[in-house]
């Protein structure tokens, strides 16, 4: 999923996922950051935008992800933290704002595979060149996960299409 054929971008945007109850990265969050670090090391983009506010357990997702990226060797100068977003729409809007402030126009967006279709719909509303990139799946797909994850994403997509797209627009 992309709106460009570019292979190199101004930034890699890593969409948030809650930290655990102790403020450590969950397997999903760790997989997203680790994949972004791999892409950074491959030269896909010279910087990471880590996006996510305090959604659960009062830990700011972006700060936990930044700590993880630094521990994997990403220099502080290549890390940009967006710490306010509470959902995917805000992840996109606030990341776009950071990009516009720096004159950046293209991004690879890293998230979990099940999340990318909705993220692509949301990023498709922004004036960016983008490509979606899936982090490796870390879940064992139990019967519960096989039902709940697609259902949750479907409901979130319906919410976006029916309500949030009209109500939560990015400010110019």
N, C-alpha and C. Protein backbone atom coordinates (compact mmCIF):
# COMPACT_ATOMS: atom_id res chain seq x y z
N UNK A 1 0.84 -1.18 0.00
CA UNK A 1 0.00 0.00 0.00
C UNK A 1 0.89 1.24 0.00
N UNK A 2 0.69 2.07 -0.99
CA UNK A 2 1.44 3.32 -1.07
C UNK A 2 0.77 4.24 -2.06
N UNK A 3 1.20 5.48 -2.05
CA UNK A 3 0.75 6.42 -3.07
C UNK A 3 1.94 6.94 -3.87
N UNK A 4 3.06 6.22 -3.81
CA UNK A 4 4.28 6.61 -4.49
C UNK A 4 5.10 5.38 -4.84
N UNK A 5 6.01 5.54 -5.78
CA UNK A 5 6.93 4.45 -6.11
C UNK A 5 8.29 4.68 -5.46
N UNK A 6 8.40 5.72 -4.64
CA UNK A 6 9.66 6.02 -3.97
C UNK A 6 10.13 4.83 -3.14
N UNK A 7 11.44 4.73 -2.99
CA UNK A 7 12.03 3.71 -2.12
C UNK A 7 12.82 4.34 -0.98
N UNK A 8 13.05 5.66 -1.06
CA UNK A 8 13.72 6.40 0.00
C UNK A 8 12.81 7.56 0.40
N UNK A 9 12.80 7.84 1.70
CA UNK A 9 11.85 8.80 2.24
C UNK A 9 12.54 9.79 3.17
N UNK A 10 11.83 10.86 3.49
CA UNK A 10 12.36 11.84 4.44
C UNK A 10 12.34 11.32 5.87
N UNK A 11 11.36 10.47 6.19
CA UNK A 11 11.23 9.96 7.56
C UNK A 11 10.55 8.60 7.56
N UNK A 12 10.77 7.88 8.63
CA UNK A 12 10.03 6.65 8.92
C UNK A 12 9.12 6.99 10.10
N UNK A 13 7.83 6.86 9.90
CA UNK A 13 6.86 7.11 10.98
C UNK A 13 6.48 5.77 11.59
N UNK A 14 6.66 5.65 12.90
CA UNK A 14 6.30 4.42 13.61
C UNK A 14 5.04 4.70 14.41
N UNK A 15 3.95 4.01 14.06
CA UNK A 15 2.69 4.22 14.74
C UNK A 15 2.71 3.56 16.11
N UNK A 16 2.11 4.25 17.07
CA UNK A 16 2.16 3.82 18.45
C UNK A 16 1.35 2.58 18.76
N UNK A 17 1.72 2.01 19.88
CA UNK A 17 1.05 0.87 20.49
C UNK A 17 1.37 0.97 21.97
N UNK A 18 0.41 0.65 22.84
CA UNK A 18 0.65 0.86 24.27
C UNK A 18 1.83 0.07 24.82
N UNK A 19 2.51 0.69 25.78
CA UNK A 19 3.54 0.00 26.55
C UNK A 19 2.86 -0.91 27.57
N UNK A 20 3.64 -1.74 28.23
CA UNK A 20 3.06 -2.61 29.25
C UNK A 20 2.87 -1.86 30.56
N UNK A 21 2.37 -2.52 31.57
CA UNK A 21 2.04 -1.88 32.85
C UNK A 21 3.26 -1.34 33.58
N UNK A 22 4.46 -1.80 33.20
CA UNK A 22 5.69 -1.32 33.83
C UNK A 22 6.42 -0.28 32.98
N UNK A 23 5.82 0.11 31.85
CA UNK A 23 6.45 1.10 30.99
C UNK A 23 7.47 0.53 30.03
N UNK A 24 7.44 -0.76 29.84
CA UNK A 24 8.34 -1.42 28.88
C UNK A 24 7.60 -1.67 27.58
N UNK A 25 8.34 -1.81 26.48
CA UNK A 25 7.66 -2.08 25.21
C UNK A 25 7.01 -3.46 25.21
N UNK A 26 5.80 -3.52 24.68
CA UNK A 26 5.14 -4.82 24.48
C UNK A 26 5.78 -5.47 23.25
N UNK A 27 5.53 -6.75 23.01
CA UNK A 27 6.07 -7.38 21.81
C UNK A 27 5.65 -6.66 20.52
N UNK A 28 4.43 -6.17 20.45
CA UNK A 28 3.98 -5.46 19.25
C UNK A 28 4.76 -4.16 19.09
N UNK A 29 4.86 -3.40 20.14
CA UNK A 29 5.59 -2.12 20.09
C UNK A 29 7.06 -2.37 19.75
N UNK A 30 7.66 -3.37 20.37
CA UNK A 30 9.06 -3.70 20.12
C UNK A 30 9.27 -4.10 18.66
N UNK A 31 8.35 -4.89 18.11
CA UNK A 31 8.47 -5.32 16.71
C UNK A 31 8.40 -4.12 15.76
N UNK A 32 7.51 -3.19 16.04
CA UNK A 32 7.39 -2.00 15.18
C UNK A 32 8.67 -1.18 15.21
N UNK A 33 9.20 -0.92 16.39
CA UNK A 33 10.41 -0.12 16.50
C UNK A 33 11.59 -0.85 15.87
N UNK A 34 11.71 -2.13 16.14
CA UNK A 34 12.83 -2.91 15.59
C UNK A 34 12.78 -2.92 14.06
N UNK A 35 11.60 -3.02 13.49
CA UNK A 35 11.49 -2.98 12.02
C UNK A 35 11.85 -1.60 11.50
N UNK A 36 11.46 -0.56 12.19
CA UNK A 36 11.83 0.80 11.78
C UNK A 36 13.34 1.00 11.86
N UNK A 37 13.96 0.45 12.89
CA UNK A 37 15.42 0.53 13.01
C UNK A 37 16.08 -0.20 11.83
N UNK A 38 15.56 -1.37 11.47
CA UNK A 38 16.10 -2.08 10.30
C UNK A 38 15.99 -1.23 9.04
N UNK A 39 14.84 -0.62 8.85
CA UNK A 39 14.64 0.22 7.67
C UNK A 39 15.58 1.43 7.70
N UNK A 40 15.77 2.03 8.85
CA UNK A 40 16.71 3.14 9.01
C UNK A 40 18.12 2.68 8.63
N UNK A 41 18.52 1.53 9.14
CA UNK A 41 19.86 1.00 8.85
C UNK A 41 20.04 0.65 7.38
N UNK A 42 18.95 0.28 6.70
CA UNK A 42 18.98 0.00 5.26
C UNK A 42 19.04 1.28 4.44
N UNK A 43 18.88 2.43 5.08
CA UNK A 43 18.95 3.70 4.39
C UNK A 43 17.64 4.17 3.79
N UNK A 44 16.52 3.60 4.25
CA UNK A 44 15.21 4.00 3.73
C UNK A 44 14.91 5.46 4.06
N UNK A 45 15.32 5.92 5.24
CA UNK A 45 15.13 7.31 5.65
C UNK A 45 16.14 7.65 6.73
N UNK A 46 16.49 8.93 6.87
CA UNK A 46 17.51 9.33 7.84
C UNK A 46 16.99 9.67 9.23
N UNK A 47 15.70 9.45 9.45
CA UNK A 47 15.15 9.80 10.77
C UNK A 47 13.88 9.00 11.05
N UNK A 48 13.56 8.90 12.35
CA UNK A 48 12.34 8.23 12.80
C UNK A 48 11.43 9.25 13.48
N UNK A 49 10.14 9.17 13.17
CA UNK A 49 9.13 9.89 13.93
C UNK A 49 8.35 8.82 14.69
N UNK A 50 8.45 8.87 16.00
CA UNK A 50 7.77 7.90 16.86
C UNK A 50 6.55 8.60 17.42
N UNK A 51 5.37 8.03 17.18
CA UNK A 51 4.15 8.74 17.50
C UNK A 51 3.22 7.94 18.40
N UNK A 52 2.76 8.58 19.46
CA UNK A 52 1.81 7.97 20.38
C UNK A 52 1.87 8.61 21.74
N UNK A 53 0.71 8.96 22.25
CA UNK A 53 0.62 9.58 23.57
C UNK A 53 0.44 8.55 24.67
N UNK A 54 -0.11 9.00 25.76
CA UNK A 54 -0.34 8.15 26.92
C UNK A 54 -1.75 7.57 26.82
N UNK A 55 -1.85 6.35 26.31
CA UNK A 55 -3.17 5.76 26.09
C UNK A 55 -3.54 4.71 27.12
N UNK A 56 -2.56 4.07 27.70
CA UNK A 56 -2.87 3.03 28.69
C UNK A 56 -1.70 2.96 29.67
N UNK A 57 -1.95 2.74 30.91
CA UNK A 57 -0.95 2.62 31.97
C UNK A 57 -0.15 3.91 32.18
N UNK A 58 -0.57 5.02 31.58
CA UNK A 58 0.03 6.34 31.77
C UNK A 58 1.46 6.47 31.28
N UNK A 59 1.91 5.57 30.42
CA UNK A 59 3.22 5.70 29.79
C UNK A 59 3.02 6.23 28.38
N UNK A 60 3.83 7.19 27.99
CA UNK A 60 3.74 7.77 26.65
C UNK A 60 4.39 6.80 25.66
N UNK A 61 3.57 6.33 24.72
CA UNK A 61 4.03 5.34 23.75
C UNK A 61 5.29 5.80 23.02
N UNK A 62 5.30 7.03 22.53
CA UNK A 62 6.43 7.53 21.74
C UNK A 62 7.71 7.57 22.56
N UNK A 63 7.62 7.90 23.83
CA UNK A 63 8.82 7.95 24.67
C UNK A 63 9.38 6.55 24.90
N UNK A 64 8.51 5.57 25.12
CA UNK A 64 8.96 4.19 25.28
C UNK A 64 9.61 3.70 23.98
N UNK A 65 8.98 4.04 22.84
CA UNK A 65 9.55 3.64 21.55
C UNK A 65 10.89 4.34 21.30
N UNK A 66 11.02 5.62 21.69
CA UNK A 66 12.28 6.34 21.50
C UNK A 66 13.39 5.68 22.34
N UNK A 67 13.07 5.31 23.55
CA UNK A 67 14.05 4.63 24.41
C UNK A 67 14.50 3.33 23.75
N UNK A 68 13.55 2.61 23.16
CA UNK A 68 13.86 1.35 22.49
C UNK A 68 14.74 1.60 21.26
N UNK A 69 14.42 2.62 20.49
CA UNK A 69 15.22 2.94 19.30
C UNK A 69 16.65 3.35 19.68
N UNK A 70 16.78 4.16 20.73
CA UNK A 70 18.12 4.55 21.19
C UNK A 70 18.91 3.32 21.63
N UNK A 71 18.26 2.40 22.33
CA UNK A 71 18.93 1.19 22.79
C UNK A 71 19.39 0.32 21.62
N UNK A 72 18.75 0.49 20.46
CA UNK A 72 19.14 -0.28 19.27
C UNK A 72 20.10 0.51 18.38
N UNK A 73 20.61 1.62 18.89
CA UNK A 73 21.66 2.34 18.19
C UNK A 73 21.26 3.53 17.36
N UNK A 74 20.00 3.95 17.40
CA UNK A 74 19.58 5.12 16.64
C UNK A 74 20.04 6.37 17.39
N UNK A 75 20.76 7.27 16.73
CA UNK A 75 21.22 8.48 17.42
C UNK A 75 20.07 9.41 17.78
N UNK A 76 20.25 10.12 18.86
CA UNK A 76 19.22 11.06 19.34
C UNK A 76 18.83 12.05 18.25
N UNK A 77 19.79 12.47 17.44
CA UNK A 77 19.52 13.46 16.40
C UNK A 77 18.60 12.94 15.30
N UNK A 78 18.41 11.63 15.24
CA UNK A 78 17.54 11.03 14.21
C UNK A 78 16.17 10.65 14.76
N UNK A 79 15.91 10.98 16.02
CA UNK A 79 14.66 10.59 16.67
C UNK A 79 13.80 11.83 16.92
N UNK A 80 12.56 11.76 16.44
CA UNK A 80 11.58 12.81 16.68
C UNK A 80 10.39 12.16 17.38
N UNK A 81 10.01 12.74 18.53
CA UNK A 81 8.95 12.17 19.37
C UNK A 81 7.70 13.02 19.24
N UNK A 82 6.61 12.36 18.87
CA UNK A 82 5.28 12.99 18.85
C UNK A 82 4.51 12.32 19.97
N UNK A 83 4.25 13.03 21.05
CA UNK A 83 3.75 12.41 22.28
C UNK A 83 2.30 12.76 22.65
N UNK A 84 1.51 13.23 21.69
CA UNK A 84 0.14 13.64 21.99
C UNK A 84 -0.93 12.73 21.40
N UNK A 85 -0.63 12.03 20.32
CA UNK A 85 -1.65 11.26 19.58
C UNK A 85 -2.27 10.16 20.44
N UNK A 86 -3.59 10.07 20.35
CA UNK A 86 -4.32 9.05 21.09
C UNK A 86 -4.97 8.00 20.18
N UNK A 87 -4.86 8.19 18.87
CA UNK A 87 -5.39 7.21 17.93
C UNK A 87 -4.65 7.35 16.60
N UNK A 88 -4.98 6.52 15.64
CA UNK A 88 -4.27 6.51 14.37
C UNK A 88 -4.47 7.80 13.59
N UNK A 89 -5.66 8.38 13.66
CA UNK A 89 -5.89 9.65 12.98
C UNK A 89 -4.94 10.71 13.53
N UNK A 90 -4.83 10.80 14.83
CA UNK A 90 -3.93 11.77 15.43
C UNK A 90 -2.47 11.42 15.16
N UNK A 91 -2.12 10.13 15.12
CA UNK A 91 -0.75 9.73 14.74
C UNK A 91 -0.40 10.37 13.40
N UNK A 92 -1.30 10.23 12.43
CA UNK A 92 -1.06 10.75 11.09
C UNK A 92 -1.01 12.28 11.09
N UNK A 93 -1.99 12.91 11.71
CA UNK A 93 -2.07 14.38 11.71
C UNK A 93 -0.87 15.02 12.38
N UNK A 94 -0.53 14.54 13.56
CA UNK A 94 0.57 15.16 14.30
C UNK A 94 1.92 14.85 13.66
N UNK A 95 2.07 13.68 13.05
CA UNK A 95 3.31 13.37 12.33
C UNK A 95 3.43 14.26 11.10
N UNK A 96 2.32 14.47 10.41
CA UNK A 96 2.31 15.36 9.25
C UNK A 96 2.72 16.78 9.66
N UNK A 97 2.26 17.22 10.81
CA UNK A 97 2.61 18.56 11.30
C UNK A 97 4.13 18.66 11.53
N UNK A 98 4.72 17.64 12.15
CA UNK A 98 6.18 17.63 12.36
C UNK A 98 6.89 17.67 11.01
N UNK A 99 6.40 16.89 10.07
CA UNK A 99 7.04 16.84 8.76
C UNK A 99 6.96 18.19 8.06
N UNK A 100 5.82 18.83 8.09
CA UNK A 100 5.67 20.14 7.43
C UNK A 100 6.58 21.18 8.08
N UNK A 101 6.73 21.11 9.42
CA UNK A 101 7.60 22.06 10.12
C UNK A 101 9.05 21.94 9.65
N UNK A 102 9.45 20.76 9.21
CA UNK A 102 10.83 20.53 8.76
C UNK A 102 10.97 20.52 7.24
N UNK A 103 9.87 20.69 6.53
CA UNK A 103 9.94 20.67 5.07
C UNK A 103 10.05 19.28 4.47
N UNK A 104 9.67 18.26 5.23
CA UNK A 104 9.72 16.88 4.74
C UNK A 104 8.40 16.55 4.07
N UNK A 105 8.45 15.75 3.01
CA UNK A 105 7.24 15.48 2.24
C UNK A 105 6.95 14.00 2.01
N UNK A 106 7.81 13.12 2.52
CA UNK A 106 7.60 11.69 2.25
C UNK A 106 7.94 10.86 3.48
N UNK A 107 7.21 9.73 3.62
CA UNK A 107 7.43 8.88 4.79
C UNK A 107 7.10 7.43 4.49
N UNK A 108 7.86 6.55 5.11
CA UNK A 108 7.47 5.15 5.20
C UNK A 108 6.79 5.01 6.56
N UNK A 109 5.63 4.38 6.57
CA UNK A 109 4.84 4.23 7.80
C UNK A 109 4.94 2.78 8.25
N UNK A 110 5.44 2.57 9.47
CA UNK A 110 5.61 1.23 10.01
C UNK A 110 4.56 0.97 11.08
N UNK A 111 3.88 -0.16 10.93
CA UNK A 111 2.90 -0.60 11.91
C UNK A 111 2.74 -2.11 11.77
N UNK A 112 1.82 -2.67 12.50
CA UNK A 112 1.51 -4.09 12.40
C UNK A 112 0.69 -4.34 11.13
N UNK A 113 0.83 -5.51 10.55
CA UNK A 113 0.18 -5.81 9.27
C UNK A 113 -1.33 -5.62 9.31
N UNK A 114 -1.98 -6.02 10.39
CA UNK A 114 -3.44 -5.90 10.48
C UNK A 114 -3.90 -4.44 10.54
N UNK A 115 -3.02 -3.54 10.91
CA UNK A 115 -3.34 -2.13 11.10
C UNK A 115 -3.14 -1.30 9.83
N UNK A 116 -2.36 -1.80 8.89
CA UNK A 116 -1.97 -1.00 7.73
C UNK A 116 -3.11 -0.59 6.80
N UNK A 117 -4.12 -1.43 6.53
CA UNK A 117 -5.19 -0.96 5.64
C UNK A 117 -5.88 0.31 6.15
N UNK A 118 -6.18 0.35 7.44
CA UNK A 118 -6.83 1.55 8.00
C UNK A 118 -5.85 2.71 8.01
N UNK A 119 -4.60 2.45 8.37
CA UNK A 119 -3.59 3.52 8.36
C UNK A 119 -3.45 4.11 6.96
N UNK A 120 -3.49 3.26 5.93
CA UNK A 120 -3.38 3.75 4.55
C UNK A 120 -4.55 4.66 4.19
N UNK A 121 -5.76 4.31 4.63
CA UNK A 121 -6.91 5.18 4.38
C UNK A 121 -6.70 6.55 5.02
N UNK A 122 -6.18 6.55 6.23
CA UNK A 122 -5.98 7.80 6.96
C UNK A 122 -4.86 8.62 6.33
N UNK A 123 -3.72 7.99 6.07
CA UNK A 123 -2.60 8.72 5.46
C UNK A 123 -2.95 9.18 4.05
N UNK A 124 -3.88 8.49 3.41
CA UNK A 124 -4.31 8.89 2.08
C UNK A 124 -4.99 10.25 2.04
N UNK A 125 -5.38 10.77 3.20
CA UNK A 125 -6.02 12.08 3.28
C UNK A 125 -5.00 13.20 3.46
N UNK A 126 -3.72 12.85 3.60
CA UNK A 126 -2.69 13.85 3.86
C UNK A 126 -1.88 14.16 2.61
N UNK A 127 -1.28 15.33 2.55
CA UNK A 127 -0.49 15.72 1.37
C UNK A 127 0.95 15.19 1.44
N UNK A 128 1.09 13.92 1.71
CA UNK A 128 2.41 13.28 1.81
C UNK A 128 2.54 12.20 0.76
N UNK A 129 3.78 11.92 0.39
CA UNK A 129 4.09 10.70 -0.36
C UNK A 129 4.39 9.66 0.70
N UNK A 130 3.75 8.50 0.63
CA UNK A 130 3.93 7.50 1.69
C UNK A 130 3.88 6.08 1.15
N UNK A 131 4.44 5.20 1.97
CA UNK A 131 4.39 3.76 1.73
C UNK A 131 4.19 3.09 3.08
N UNK A 132 3.30 2.13 3.14
CA UNK A 132 3.08 1.35 4.35
C UNK A 132 4.11 0.21 4.40
N UNK A 133 4.55 -0.12 5.61
CA UNK A 133 5.52 -1.20 5.78
C UNK A 133 5.16 -1.97 7.05
N UNK A 134 4.98 -3.27 6.92
CA UNK A 134 4.55 -4.10 8.06
C UNK A 134 5.72 -4.56 8.92
N UNK A 135 5.55 -4.43 10.21
CA UNK A 135 6.47 -5.05 11.16
C UNK A 135 6.13 -6.54 11.22
N UNK A 136 7.10 -7.38 11.53
CA UNK A 136 6.79 -8.81 11.64
C UNK A 136 5.72 -9.08 12.70
N UNK A 137 4.88 -10.03 12.41
CA UNK A 137 3.83 -10.41 13.36
C UNK A 137 4.46 -11.11 14.55
N UNK A 138 4.00 -10.75 15.73
CA UNK A 138 4.56 -11.35 16.94
C UNK A 138 3.55 -12.17 17.72
N UNK A 139 2.32 -12.18 17.24
CA UNK A 139 1.29 -12.89 17.96
C UNK A 139 1.22 -14.34 17.54
N UNK A 140 0.93 -15.16 18.51
CA UNK A 140 0.49 -16.52 18.19
C UNK A 140 -1.00 -16.37 17.95
N UNK A 141 -1.45 -16.75 16.79
CA UNK A 141 -2.83 -16.49 16.42
C UNK A 141 -3.76 -17.53 17.04
N UNK A 142 -4.06 -17.31 18.32
CA UNK A 142 -5.03 -18.14 19.01
C UNK A 142 -6.41 -17.89 18.39
N UNK A 143 -7.35 -18.74 18.71
CA UNK A 143 -8.72 -18.54 18.22
C UNK A 143 -9.22 -17.16 18.62
N UNK A 144 -8.93 -16.74 19.84
CA UNK A 144 -9.33 -15.42 20.32
C UNK A 144 -8.75 -14.32 19.43
N UNK A 145 -7.44 -14.35 19.19
CA UNK A 145 -6.79 -13.32 18.37
C UNK A 145 -7.28 -13.34 16.92
N UNK A 146 -7.56 -14.53 16.39
CA UNK A 146 -8.03 -14.62 15.00
C UNK A 146 -9.40 -13.97 14.84
N UNK A 147 -10.17 -13.91 15.91
CA UNK A 147 -11.50 -13.30 15.85
C UNK A 147 -11.45 -11.84 16.30
N UNK A 148 -10.82 -11.58 17.42
CA UNK A 148 -10.86 -10.25 18.03
C UNK A 148 -10.08 -9.21 17.23
N UNK A 149 -8.89 -9.53 16.76
CA UNK A 149 -8.08 -8.54 16.05
C UNK A 149 -8.76 -8.05 14.77
N UNK A 150 -9.22 -8.94 13.88
CA UNK A 150 -9.92 -8.43 12.69
C UNK A 150 -11.20 -7.69 13.03
N UNK A 151 -11.92 -8.15 14.06
CA UNK A 151 -13.15 -7.47 14.46
C UNK A 151 -12.85 -6.07 14.97
N UNK A 152 -11.83 -5.94 15.79
CA UNK A 152 -11.45 -4.62 16.32
C UNK A 152 -11.04 -3.69 15.19
N UNK A 153 -10.24 -4.18 14.26
CA UNK A 153 -9.82 -3.35 13.12
C UNK A 153 -11.00 -2.98 12.24
N UNK A 154 -11.92 -3.92 12.05
CA UNK A 154 -13.11 -3.63 11.24
C UNK A 154 -13.94 -2.53 11.90
N UNK A 155 -14.16 -2.65 13.20
CA UNK A 155 -14.93 -1.62 13.91
C UNK A 155 -14.22 -0.27 13.89
N UNK A 156 -12.90 -0.27 14.04
CA UNK A 156 -12.14 0.97 13.98
C UNK A 156 -12.22 1.59 12.59
N UNK A 157 -12.20 0.76 11.56
CA UNK A 157 -12.31 1.27 10.19
C UNK A 157 -13.70 1.85 9.95
N UNK A 158 -14.73 1.17 10.41
CA UNK A 158 -16.10 1.69 10.27
C UNK A 158 -16.21 3.02 11.01
N UNK A 159 -15.66 3.10 12.20
CA UNK A 159 -15.67 4.36 12.96
C UNK A 159 -15.01 5.45 12.15
N UNK A 160 -13.87 5.16 11.57
CA UNK A 160 -13.17 6.16 10.76
C UNK A 160 -14.01 6.59 9.57
N UNK A 161 -14.54 5.61 8.84
CA UNK A 161 -15.28 5.94 7.63
C UNK A 161 -16.58 6.67 7.92
N UNK A 162 -17.27 6.30 9.00
CA UNK A 162 -18.59 6.84 9.28
C UNK A 162 -18.58 8.11 10.12
N UNK A 163 -17.58 8.28 10.95
CA UNK A 163 -17.65 9.38 11.89
C UNK A 163 -16.37 10.17 11.98
N UNK A 164 -15.28 9.52 12.25
CA UNK A 164 -14.04 10.22 12.56
C UNK A 164 -13.51 11.02 11.38
N UNK A 165 -13.67 10.51 10.15
CA UNK A 165 -13.15 11.24 9.00
C UNK A 165 -13.77 12.63 8.93
N UNK A 166 -15.03 12.73 9.25
CA UNK A 166 -15.69 14.03 9.22
C UNK A 166 -15.38 14.86 10.46
N UNK A 167 -15.22 14.20 11.58
CA UNK A 167 -15.08 14.91 12.85
C UNK A 167 -13.63 15.25 13.21
N UNK A 168 -12.68 14.46 12.78
CA UNK A 168 -11.29 14.63 13.19
C UNK A 168 -10.42 14.94 12.00
N UNK A 169 -10.53 16.10 11.47
CA UNK A 169 -9.72 16.50 10.32
C UNK A 169 -8.40 17.11 10.84
N UNK A 170 -7.36 16.90 10.07
CA UNK A 170 -6.09 17.55 10.40
C UNK A 170 -6.23 19.03 10.12
N UNK A 171 -5.65 19.83 10.99
CA UNK A 171 -5.68 21.26 10.75
C UNK A 171 -4.58 21.60 9.75
N UNK A 172 -4.84 22.56 8.85
CA UNK A 172 -3.83 22.92 7.85
C UNK A 172 -2.59 23.56 8.47
